[in-house]
């Protein structure tokens, strides 16, 4: 059912267990450990099979939130549902931001959740224009645009440029609202710029944290090693 794995020293096993059980671990780090120890063969396993294998090899009990992070990334890398289904898209972003997926409750996520969710998926599965795996469906694009619009983000940040807003040019809504007050319009316009930069800085900060976590992983097969 599973291939043999050299789990290494007791110290390494303990380090891996700590990462697997730490709810602050990024989904990418959990995925890296799985790939390092089992290869892409693990993508074909049932979730319970992988959970039991991690328990057997590293005495690790995978928290539900980490289970959701890991399998959200696996689904995003092995199917196109992240790009096609607004529900899968939303729940993947929730999971990668440390919230348990709630498929029974399709509640909107925040713009920063969407921005980081897309960023982490793209990090693991870079778009290839020739394969068309970077194209989001109208459903996902409209959902993203609606979340941004409802949260007052009228200009999409990097990673969410595919968003389709309820109105053709939402920035014009500001201009219309403050047509007789140039100062208010400029203040509102600047707030939009600051909001966009804030979201992009949030992603940059999270990416720095992710790189730091990756560098600390006890990997046997580290790229560039």
C-alpha atoms as a PDB file:
ATOM      1  CA  UNK A   1       0.000   0.000   0.000  1.00  0.00           C
ATOM      2  CA  UNK A   2       2.864   2.346   0.790  1.00  0.00           C
ATOM      3  CA  UNK A   3       6.479   2.314  -0.243  1.00  0.00           C
ATOM      4  CA  UNK A   4       9.324   1.838   2.185  1.00  0.00           C
ATOM      5  CA  UNK A   5      10.602   5.054   3.719  1.00  0.00           C
ATOM      6  CA  UNK A   6      13.832   5.773   5.514  1.00  0.00           C
ATOM      7  CA  UNK A   7      12.652   8.021   8.303  1.00  0.00           C
ATOM      8  CA  UNK A   8      16.147   8.623   9.654  1.00  0.00           C
ATOM      9  CA  UNK A   9      17.312   9.342  13.164  1.00  0.00           C
ATOM     10  CA  UNK A  10      15.103   9.768  16.183  1.00  0.00           C
ATOM     11  CA  UNK A  11      16.057  13.465  16.228  1.00  0.00           C
ATOM     12  CA  UNK A  12      14.871  13.922  12.646  1.00  0.00           C
ATOM     13  CA  UNK A  13      11.665  12.022  13.380  1.00  0.00           C
ATOM     14  CA  UNK A  14      11.021  14.269  16.364  1.00  0.00           C
ATOM     15  CA  UNK A  15      11.632  17.387  14.259  1.00  0.00           C
ATOM     16  CA  UNK A  16       9.203  16.185  11.606  1.00  0.00           C
ATOM     17  CA  UNK A  17       6.576  15.356  14.213  1.00  0.00           C
ATOM     18  CA  UNK A  18       6.830  18.878  15.614  1.00  0.00           C
ATOM     19  CA  UNK A  19       6.221  20.426  12.190  1.00  0.00           C
ATOM     20  CA  UNK A  20       3.341  18.092  11.375  1.00  0.00           C
ATOM     21  CA  UNK A  21       1.605  18.797  14.692  1.00  0.00           C
ATOM     22  CA  UNK A  22       2.255  22.555  14.759  1.00  0.00           C
ATOM     23  CA  UNK A  23      -0.889  24.365  13.615  1.00  0.00           C
ATOM     24  CA  UNK A  24       1.285  27.305  12.544  1.00  0.00           C
ATOM     25  CA  UNK A  25       3.061  25.195   9.936  1.00  0.00           C
ATOM     26  CA  UNK A  26       2.428  26.298   6.362  1.00  0.00           C
ATOM     27  CA  UNK A  27       0.686  23.908   4.015  1.00  0.00           C
ATOM     28  CA  UNK A  28       3.734  24.072   1.751  1.00  0.00           C
ATOM     29  CA  UNK A  29       5.954  22.798   4.563  1.00  0.00           C
ATOM     30  CA  UNK A  30       3.606  19.917   5.301  1.00  0.00           C
ATOM     31  CA  UNK A  31       3.552  19.073   1.600  1.00  0.00           C
ATOM     32  CA  UNK A  32       7.357  19.260   1.390  1.00  0.00           C
ATOM     33  CA  UNK A  33       7.704  16.719   4.197  1.00  0.00           C
ATOM     34  CA  UNK A  34       5.229  14.360   2.558  1.00  0.00           C
ATOM     35  CA  UNK A  35       6.997  14.584  -0.806  1.00  0.00           C
ATOM     36  CA  UNK A  36      10.419  14.226   0.790  1.00  0.00           C
ATOM     37  CA  UNK A  37       9.449  11.016   2.562  1.00  0.00           C
ATOM     38  CA  UNK A  38       6.913   9.392   0.230  1.00  0.00           C
ATOM     39  CA  UNK A  39       7.140  11.117  -3.145  1.00  0.00           C
ATOM     40  CA  UNK A  40       4.189  11.942  -5.359  1.00  0.00           C
ATOM     41  CA  UNK A  41       2.882   8.413  -4.749  1.00  0.00           C
ATOM     42  CA  UNK A  42       1.253   9.864  -1.639  1.00  0.00           C
ATOM     43  CA  UNK A  43      -1.031  11.931  -3.880  1.00  0.00           C
ATOM     44  CA  UNK A  44      -2.836   8.714  -4.766  1.00  0.00           C
ATOM     45  CA  UNK A  45      -3.424   7.654  -1.177  1.00  0.00           C
ATOM     46  CA  UNK A  46      -6.609   8.188   0.751  1.00  0.00           C
ATOM     47  CA  UNK A  47      -6.352  10.912   3.418  1.00  0.00           C
ATOM     48  CA  UNK A  48      -6.709   8.329   6.194  1.00  0.00           C
ATOM     49  CA  UNK A  49      -3.902   6.262   4.672  1.00  0.00           C
ATOM     50  CA  UNK A  50      -1.514   9.202   4.754  1.00  0.00           C
ATOM     51  CA  UNK A  51      -2.602  10.138   8.253  1.00  0.00           C
ATOM     52  CA  UNK A  52      -1.882   6.588   9.492  1.00  0.00           C
ATOM     53  CA  UNK A  53       1.468   6.504   7.670  1.00  0.00           C
ATOM     54  CA  UNK A  54       2.557   9.732   9.356  1.00  0.00           C
ATOM     55  CA  UNK A  55       1.452   8.279  12.675  1.00  0.00           C
ATOM     56  CA  UNK A  56       3.405   5.063  12.108  1.00  0.00           C
ATOM     57  CA  UNK A  57       6.590   6.721  10.846  1.00  0.00           C
ATOM     58  CA  UNK A  58       6.770   9.835  13.004  1.00  0.00           C
ATOM     59  CA  UNK A  59       4.275   9.270  15.852  1.00  0.00           C
ATOM     60  CA  UNK A  60       2.561  12.405  14.561  1.00  0.00           C
ATOM     61  CA  UNK A  61      -1.102  13.199  15.062  1.00  0.00           C
ATOM     62  CA  UNK A  62      -2.012  15.579  12.252  1.00  0.00           C
ATOM     63  CA  UNK A  63      -4.364  18.342  13.500  1.00  0.00           C
ATOM     64  CA  UNK A  64      -7.492  18.823  11.411  1.00  0.00           C
ATOM     65  CA  UNK A  65      -6.380  22.288  10.337  1.00  0.00           C
ATOM     66  CA  UNK A  66      -3.073  20.875   9.049  1.00  0.00           C
ATOM     67  CA  UNK A  67      -4.917  18.052   7.335  1.00  0.00           C
ATOM     68  CA  UNK A  68      -6.984  20.679   5.497  1.00  0.00           C
ATOM     69  CA  UNK A  69      -3.889  22.684   4.506  1.00  0.00           C
ATOM     70  CA  UNK A  70      -2.128  19.629   3.150  1.00  0.00           C
ATOM     71  CA  UNK A  71      -5.021  18.167   1.189  1.00  0.00           C
ATOM     72  CA  UNK A  72      -6.094  21.550  -0.130  1.00  0.00           C
ATOM     73  CA  UNK A  73      -2.681  21.887  -1.752  1.00  0.00           C
ATOM     74  CA  UNK A  74      -2.723  18.326  -3.044  1.00  0.00           C
ATOM     75  CA  UNK A  75      -6.144  18.848  -4.638  1.00  0.00           C
ATOM     76  CA  UNK A  76      -4.989  22.175  -6.118  1.00  0.00           C
ATOM     77  CA  UNK A  77      -1.922  20.498  -7.635  1.00  0.00           C
ATOM     78  CA  UNK A  78      -3.614  17.377  -8.959  1.00  0.00           C
ATOM     79  CA  UNK A  79      -6.906  18.822 -10.242  1.00  0.00           C
ATOM     80  CA  UNK A  80      -8.191  22.088 -11.701  1.00  0.00           C
ATOM     81  CA  UNK A  81     -10.954  22.481  -9.113  1.00  0.00           C
ATOM     82  CA  UNK A  82      -9.139  25.371  -7.412  1.00  0.00           C
ATOM     83  CA  UNK A  83      -9.433  27.342 -10.647  1.00  0.00           C
ATOM     84  CA  UNK A  84     -12.960  26.194 -11.545  1.00  0.00           C
ATOM     85  CA  UNK A  85     -15.045  25.959  -8.371  1.00  0.00           C
ATOM     86  CA  UNK A  86     -15.700  29.010  -6.201  1.00  0.00           C
ATOM     87  CA  UNK A  87     -16.418  26.700  -3.258  1.00  0.00           C
ATOM     88  CA  UNK A  88     -13.152  24.776  -3.594  1.00  0.00           C
ATOM     89  CA  UNK A  89     -11.311  28.040  -4.231  1.00  0.00           C
ATOM     90  CA  UNK A  90     -12.763  29.655  -1.108  1.00  0.00           C
ATOM     91  CA  UNK A  91     -12.221  26.673   1.188  1.00  0.00           C
ATOM     92  CA  UNK A  92      -8.660  26.181  -0.074  1.00  0.00           C
ATOM     93  CA  UNK A  93      -7.857  29.793   0.765  1.00  0.00           C
ATOM     94  CA  UNK A  94      -9.459  29.384   4.193  1.00  0.00           C
ATOM     95  CA  UNK A  95      -7.412  26.273   4.890  1.00  0.00           C
ATOM     96  CA  UNK A  96      -4.094  27.730   3.757  1.00  0.00           C
ATOM     97  CA  UNK A  97      -4.676  30.658   6.103  1.00  0.00           C
ATOM     98  CA  UNK A  98      -5.142  28.332   9.066  1.00  0.00           C
ATOM     99  CA  UNK A  99      -8.939  28.078   9.171  1.00  0.00           C
ATOM    100  CA  UNK A 100     -10.611  24.691   9.008  1.00  0.00           C
ATOM    101  CA  UNK A 101     -12.509  24.186   5.767  1.00  0.00           C
ATOM    102  CA  UNK A 102     -16.272  24.421   6.230  1.00  0.00           C
ATOM    103  CA  UNK A 103     -17.952  23.040   3.136  1.00  0.00           C
ATOM    104  CA  UNK A 104     -21.307  23.040   4.883  1.00  0.00           C
ATOM    105  CA  UNK A 105     -20.986  26.785   5.483  1.00  0.00           C
ATOM    106  CA  UNK A 106     -19.991  28.683   2.343  1.00  0.00           C
ATOM    107  CA  UNK A 107     -19.082  31.883   4.150  1.00  0.00           C
ATOM    108  CA  UNK A 108     -16.974  34.508   2.341  1.00  0.00           C
ATOM    109  CA  UNK A 109     -13.304  34.827   3.134  1.00  0.00           C
ATOM    110  CA  UNK A 110     -11.317  38.026   3.565  1.00  0.00           C
ATOM    111  CA  UNK A 111      -9.237  39.619   0.774  1.00  0.00           C
ATOM    112  CA  UNK A 112      -5.982  38.766   2.550  1.00  0.00           C
ATOM    113  CA  UNK A 113      -7.103  35.124   2.774  1.00  0.00           C
ATOM    114  CA  UNK A 114      -7.686  35.061  -0.981  1.00  0.00           C
ATOM    115  CA  UNK A 115      -4.406  36.807  -1.775  1.00  0.00           C
ATOM    116  CA  UNK A 116      -2.347  34.415   0.338  1.00  0.00           C
ATOM    117  CA  UNK A 117      -4.264  31.333  -0.750  1.00  0.00           C
ATOM    118  CA  UNK A 118      -3.609  32.068  -4.421  1.00  0.00           C
ATOM    119  CA  UNK A 119       0.026  33.001  -3.700  1.00  0.00           C
ATOM    120  CA  UNK A 120       0.725  29.721  -1.912  1.00  0.00           C
ATOM    121  CA  UNK A 121      -0.963  27.617  -4.568  1.00  0.00           C
ATOM    122  CA  UNK A 122       0.968  29.444  -7.307  1.00  0.00           C
ATOM    123  CA  UNK A 123       4.213  28.918  -5.377  1.00  0.00           C
ATOM    124  CA  UNK A 124       3.648  25.152  -5.437  1.00  0.00           C
ATOM    125  CA  UNK A 125       2.065  24.967  -8.890  1.00  0.00           C
ATOM    126  CA  UNK A 126       3.377  27.824 -11.067  1.00  0.00           C
ATOM    127  CA  UNK A 127       1.100  28.710 -13.983  1.00  0.00           C
ATOM    128  CA  UNK A 128       1.979  27.459 -17.439  1.00  0.00           C
ATOM    129  CA  UNK A 129       0.179  29.453 -20.166  1.00  0.00           C
ATOM    130  CA  UNK A 130       0.626  26.559 -22.590  1.00  0.00           C
ATOM    131  CA  UNK A 131      -1.271  24.242 -20.250  1.00  0.00           C
ATOM    132  CA  UNK A 132      -3.843  26.860 -19.332  1.00  0.00           C
ATOM    133  CA  UNK A 133      -3.553  26.016 -15.637  1.00  0.00           C
ATOM    134  CA  UNK A 134      -3.471  29.691 -14.687  1.00  0.00           C
ATOM    135  CA  UNK A 135      -6.950  30.488 -15.962  1.00  0.00           C
ATOM    136  CA  UNK A 136      -9.658  30.999 -13.370  1.00  0.00           C
ATOM    137  CA  UNK A 137     -13.268  30.378 -14.255  1.00  0.00           C
ATOM    138  CA  UNK A 138     -15.835  33.154 -14.492  1.00  0.00           C
ATOM    139  CA  UNK A 139     -17.381  31.778 -11.289  1.00  0.00           C
ATOM    140  CA  UNK A 140     -14.133  32.085  -9.323  1.00  0.00           C
ATOM    141  CA  UNK A 141     -13.267  35.462 -10.853  1.00  0.00           C
ATOM    142  CA  UNK A 142     -16.702  36.885 -10.012  1.00  0.00           C
ATOM    143  CA  UNK A 143     -16.563  35.487  -6.495  1.00  0.00           C
ATOM    144  CA  UNK A 144     -13.143  37.057  -5.960  1.00  0.00           C
ATOM    145  CA  UNK A 145     -14.313  40.389  -7.345  1.00  0.00           C
ATOM    146  CA  UNK A 146     -17.362  40.344  -5.089  1.00  0.00           C
ATOM    147  CA  UNK A 147     -15.275  39.633  -1.969  1.00  0.00           C
ATOM    148  CA  UNK A 148     -12.889  42.444  -2.850  1.00  0.00           C
ATOM    149  CA  UNK A 149     -15.715  44.866  -3.674  1.00  0.00           C
ATOM    150  CA  UNK A 150     -17.640  44.100  -0.498  1.00  0.00           C
ATOM    151  CA  UNK A 151     -14.486  44.762   1.517  1.00  0.00           C
ATOM    152  CA  UNK A 152     -13.810  48.071  -0.218  1.00  0.00           C
ATOM    153  CA  UNK A 153     -10.881  46.822  -2.291  1.00  0.00           C
ATOM    154  CA  UNK A 154     -11.568  48.389  -5.677  1.00  0.00           C
ATOM    155  CA  UNK A 155      -8.185  47.627  -7.233  1.00  0.00           C
ATOM    156  CA  UNK A 156      -7.066  43.991  -7.085  1.00  0.00           C
ATOM    157  CA  UNK A 157      -3.615  43.282  -5.624  1.00  0.00           C
ATOM    158  CA  UNK A 158      -1.045  41.044  -7.231  1.00  0.00           C
ATOM    159  CA  UNK A 159      -2.230  37.413  -7.447  1.00  0.00           C
ATOM    160  CA  UNK A 160      -5.870  38.570  -7.680  1.00  0.00           C
ATOM    161  CA  UNK A 161      -5.681  40.430 -10.986  1.00  0.00           C
ATOM    162  CA  UNK A 162      -8.137  37.944 -12.452  1.00  0.00           C
ATOM    163  CA  UNK A 163     -10.961  39.304 -10.252  1.00  0.00           C
ATOM    164  CA  UNK A 164     -14.147  40.397 -12.016  1.00  0.00           C
ATOM    165  CA  UNK A 165     -15.955  43.185 -10.159  1.00  0.00           C
ATOM    166  CA  UNK A 166     -19.735  43.709 -10.007  1.00  0.00           C
ATOM    167  CA  UNK A 167     -19.271  46.984 -11.902  1.00  0.00           C
ATOM    168  CA  UNK A 168     -17.085  47.401 -14.962  1.00  0.00           C
ATOM    169  CA  UNK A 169     -14.740  49.911 -13.318  1.00  0.00           C
ATOM    170  CA  UNK A 170     -15.361  50.074  -9.560  1.00  0.00           C
ATOM    171  CA  UNK A 171     -12.918  52.966  -9.126  1.00  0.00           C
ATOM    172  CA  UNK A 172     -15.373  55.123 -11.067  1.00  0.00           C
ATOM    173  CA  UNK A 173     -17.848  54.526  -8.239  1.00  0.00           C
ATOM    174  CA  UNK A 174     -15.569  56.629  -6.058  1.00  0.00           C
ATOM    175  CA  UNK A 175     -15.336  59.341  -8.663  1.00  0.00           C
ATOM    176  CA  UNK A 176     -19.116  59.427  -8.970  1.00  0.00           C
ATOM    177  CA  UNK A 177     -19.600  59.490  -5.198  1.00  0.00           C
ATOM    178  CA  UNK A 178     -17.224  62.421  -4.763  1.00  0.00           C
ATOM    179  CA  UNK A 179     -17.806  64.211  -8.053  1.00  0.00           C
ATOM    180  CA  UNK A 180     -18.226  67.555  -6.263  1.00  0.00           C
ATOM    181  CA  UNK A 181     -15.390  67.066  -3.783  1.00  0.00           C
ATOM    182  CA  UNK A 182     -11.973  66.572  -5.350  1.00  0.00           C
ATOM    183  CA  UNK A 183     -10.222  66.357  -1.982  1.00  0.00           C
ATOM    184  CA  UNK A 184     -12.514  63.596  -0.737  1.00  0.00           C
ATOM    185  CA  UNK A 185     -12.069  61.704  -3.986  1.00  0.00           C
ATOM    186  CA  UNK A 186      -8.290  61.940  -3.729  1.00  0.00           C
ATOM    187  CA  UNK A 187      -8.405  60.768  -0.110  1.00  0.00           C
ATOM    188  CA  UNK A 188     -10.621  57.818  -1.076  1.00  0.00           C
ATOM    189  CA  UNK A 189      -8.369  57.065  -4.048  1.00  0.00           C
ATOM    190  CA  UNK A 190      -5.279  57.084  -1.841  1.00  0.00           C
ATOM    191  CA  UNK A 191      -6.999  54.745   0.601  1.00  0.00           C
ATOM    192  CA  UNK A 192      -7.454  52.304  -2.274  1.00  0.00           C
ATOM    193  CA  UNK A 193      -3.771  52.491  -3.127  1.00  0.00           C
ATOM    194  CA  UNK A 194      -2.835  51.924   0.509  1.00  0.00           C
ATOM    195  CA  UNK A 195      -5.251  48.970   0.784  1.00  0.00           C
ATOM    196  CA  UNK A 196      -3.797  47.325  -2.298  1.00  0.00           C
ATOM    197  CA  UNK A 197      -0.237  47.822  -1.059  1.00  0.00           C
ATOM    198  CA  UNK A 198      -1.260  46.515   2.361  1.00  0.00           C
ATOM    199  CA  UNK A 199      -2.546  43.273   0.858  1.00  0.00           C
ATOM    200  CA  UNK A 200       0.602  42.840  -1.213  1.00  0.00           C
ATOM    201  CA  UNK A 201       2.783  43.513   1.843  1.00  0.00           C
ATOM    202  CA  UNK A 202       0.776  40.916   3.770  1.00  0.00           C
ATOM    203  CA  UNK A 203       1.583  38.317   1.121  1.00  0.00           C
ATOM    204  CA  UNK A 204       5.256  39.328   1.084  1.00  0.00           C
ATOM    205  CA  UNK A 205       5.448  38.976   4.853  1.00  0.00           C
ATOM    206  CA  UNK A 206       3.825  35.560   4.792  1.00  0.00           C
ATOM    207  CA  UNK A 207       6.157  34.455   2.008  1.00  0.00           C
ATOM    208  CA  UNK A 208       9.184  35.444   4.098  1.00  0.00           C
ATOM    209  CA  UNK A 209       7.813  33.355   6.973  1.00  0.00           C
ATOM    210  CA  UNK A 210       7.222  30.454   4.593  1.00  0.00           C
ATOM    211  CA  UNK A 211      10.793  30.590   3.265  1.00  0.00           C
ATOM    212  CA  UNK A 212      12.124  30.596   6.826  1.00  0.00           C
ATOM    213  CA  UNK A 213      10.040  27.554   7.717  1.00  0.00           C
ATOM    214  CA  UNK A 214      11.162  25.727   4.591  1.00  0.00           C
ATOM    215  CA  UNK A 215      14.827  26.360   5.377  1.00  0.00           C
ATOM    216  CA  UNK A 216      14.373  24.805   8.812  1.00  0.00           C
ATOM    217  CA  UNK A 217      12.712  21.600   7.593  1.00  0.00           C
ATOM    218  CA  UNK A 218      14.739  18.382   8.123  1.00  0.00           C
ATOM    219  CA  UNK A 219      14.542  17.363   4.462  1.00  0.00           C
ATOM    220  CA  UNK A 220      16.565  14.503   2.999  1.00  0.00           C
ATOM    221  CA  UNK A 221      16.254  15.759  -0.568  1.00  0.00           C
ATOM    222  CA  UNK A 222      16.586  19.515  -0.535  1.00  0.00           C
ATOM    223  CA  UNK A 223      16.753  21.261  -3.926  1.00  0.00           C
ATOM    224  CA  UNK A 224      20.095  22.845  -4.595  1.00  0.00           C
ATOM    225  CA  UNK A 225      21.728  20.678  -1.929  1.00  0.00           C
END
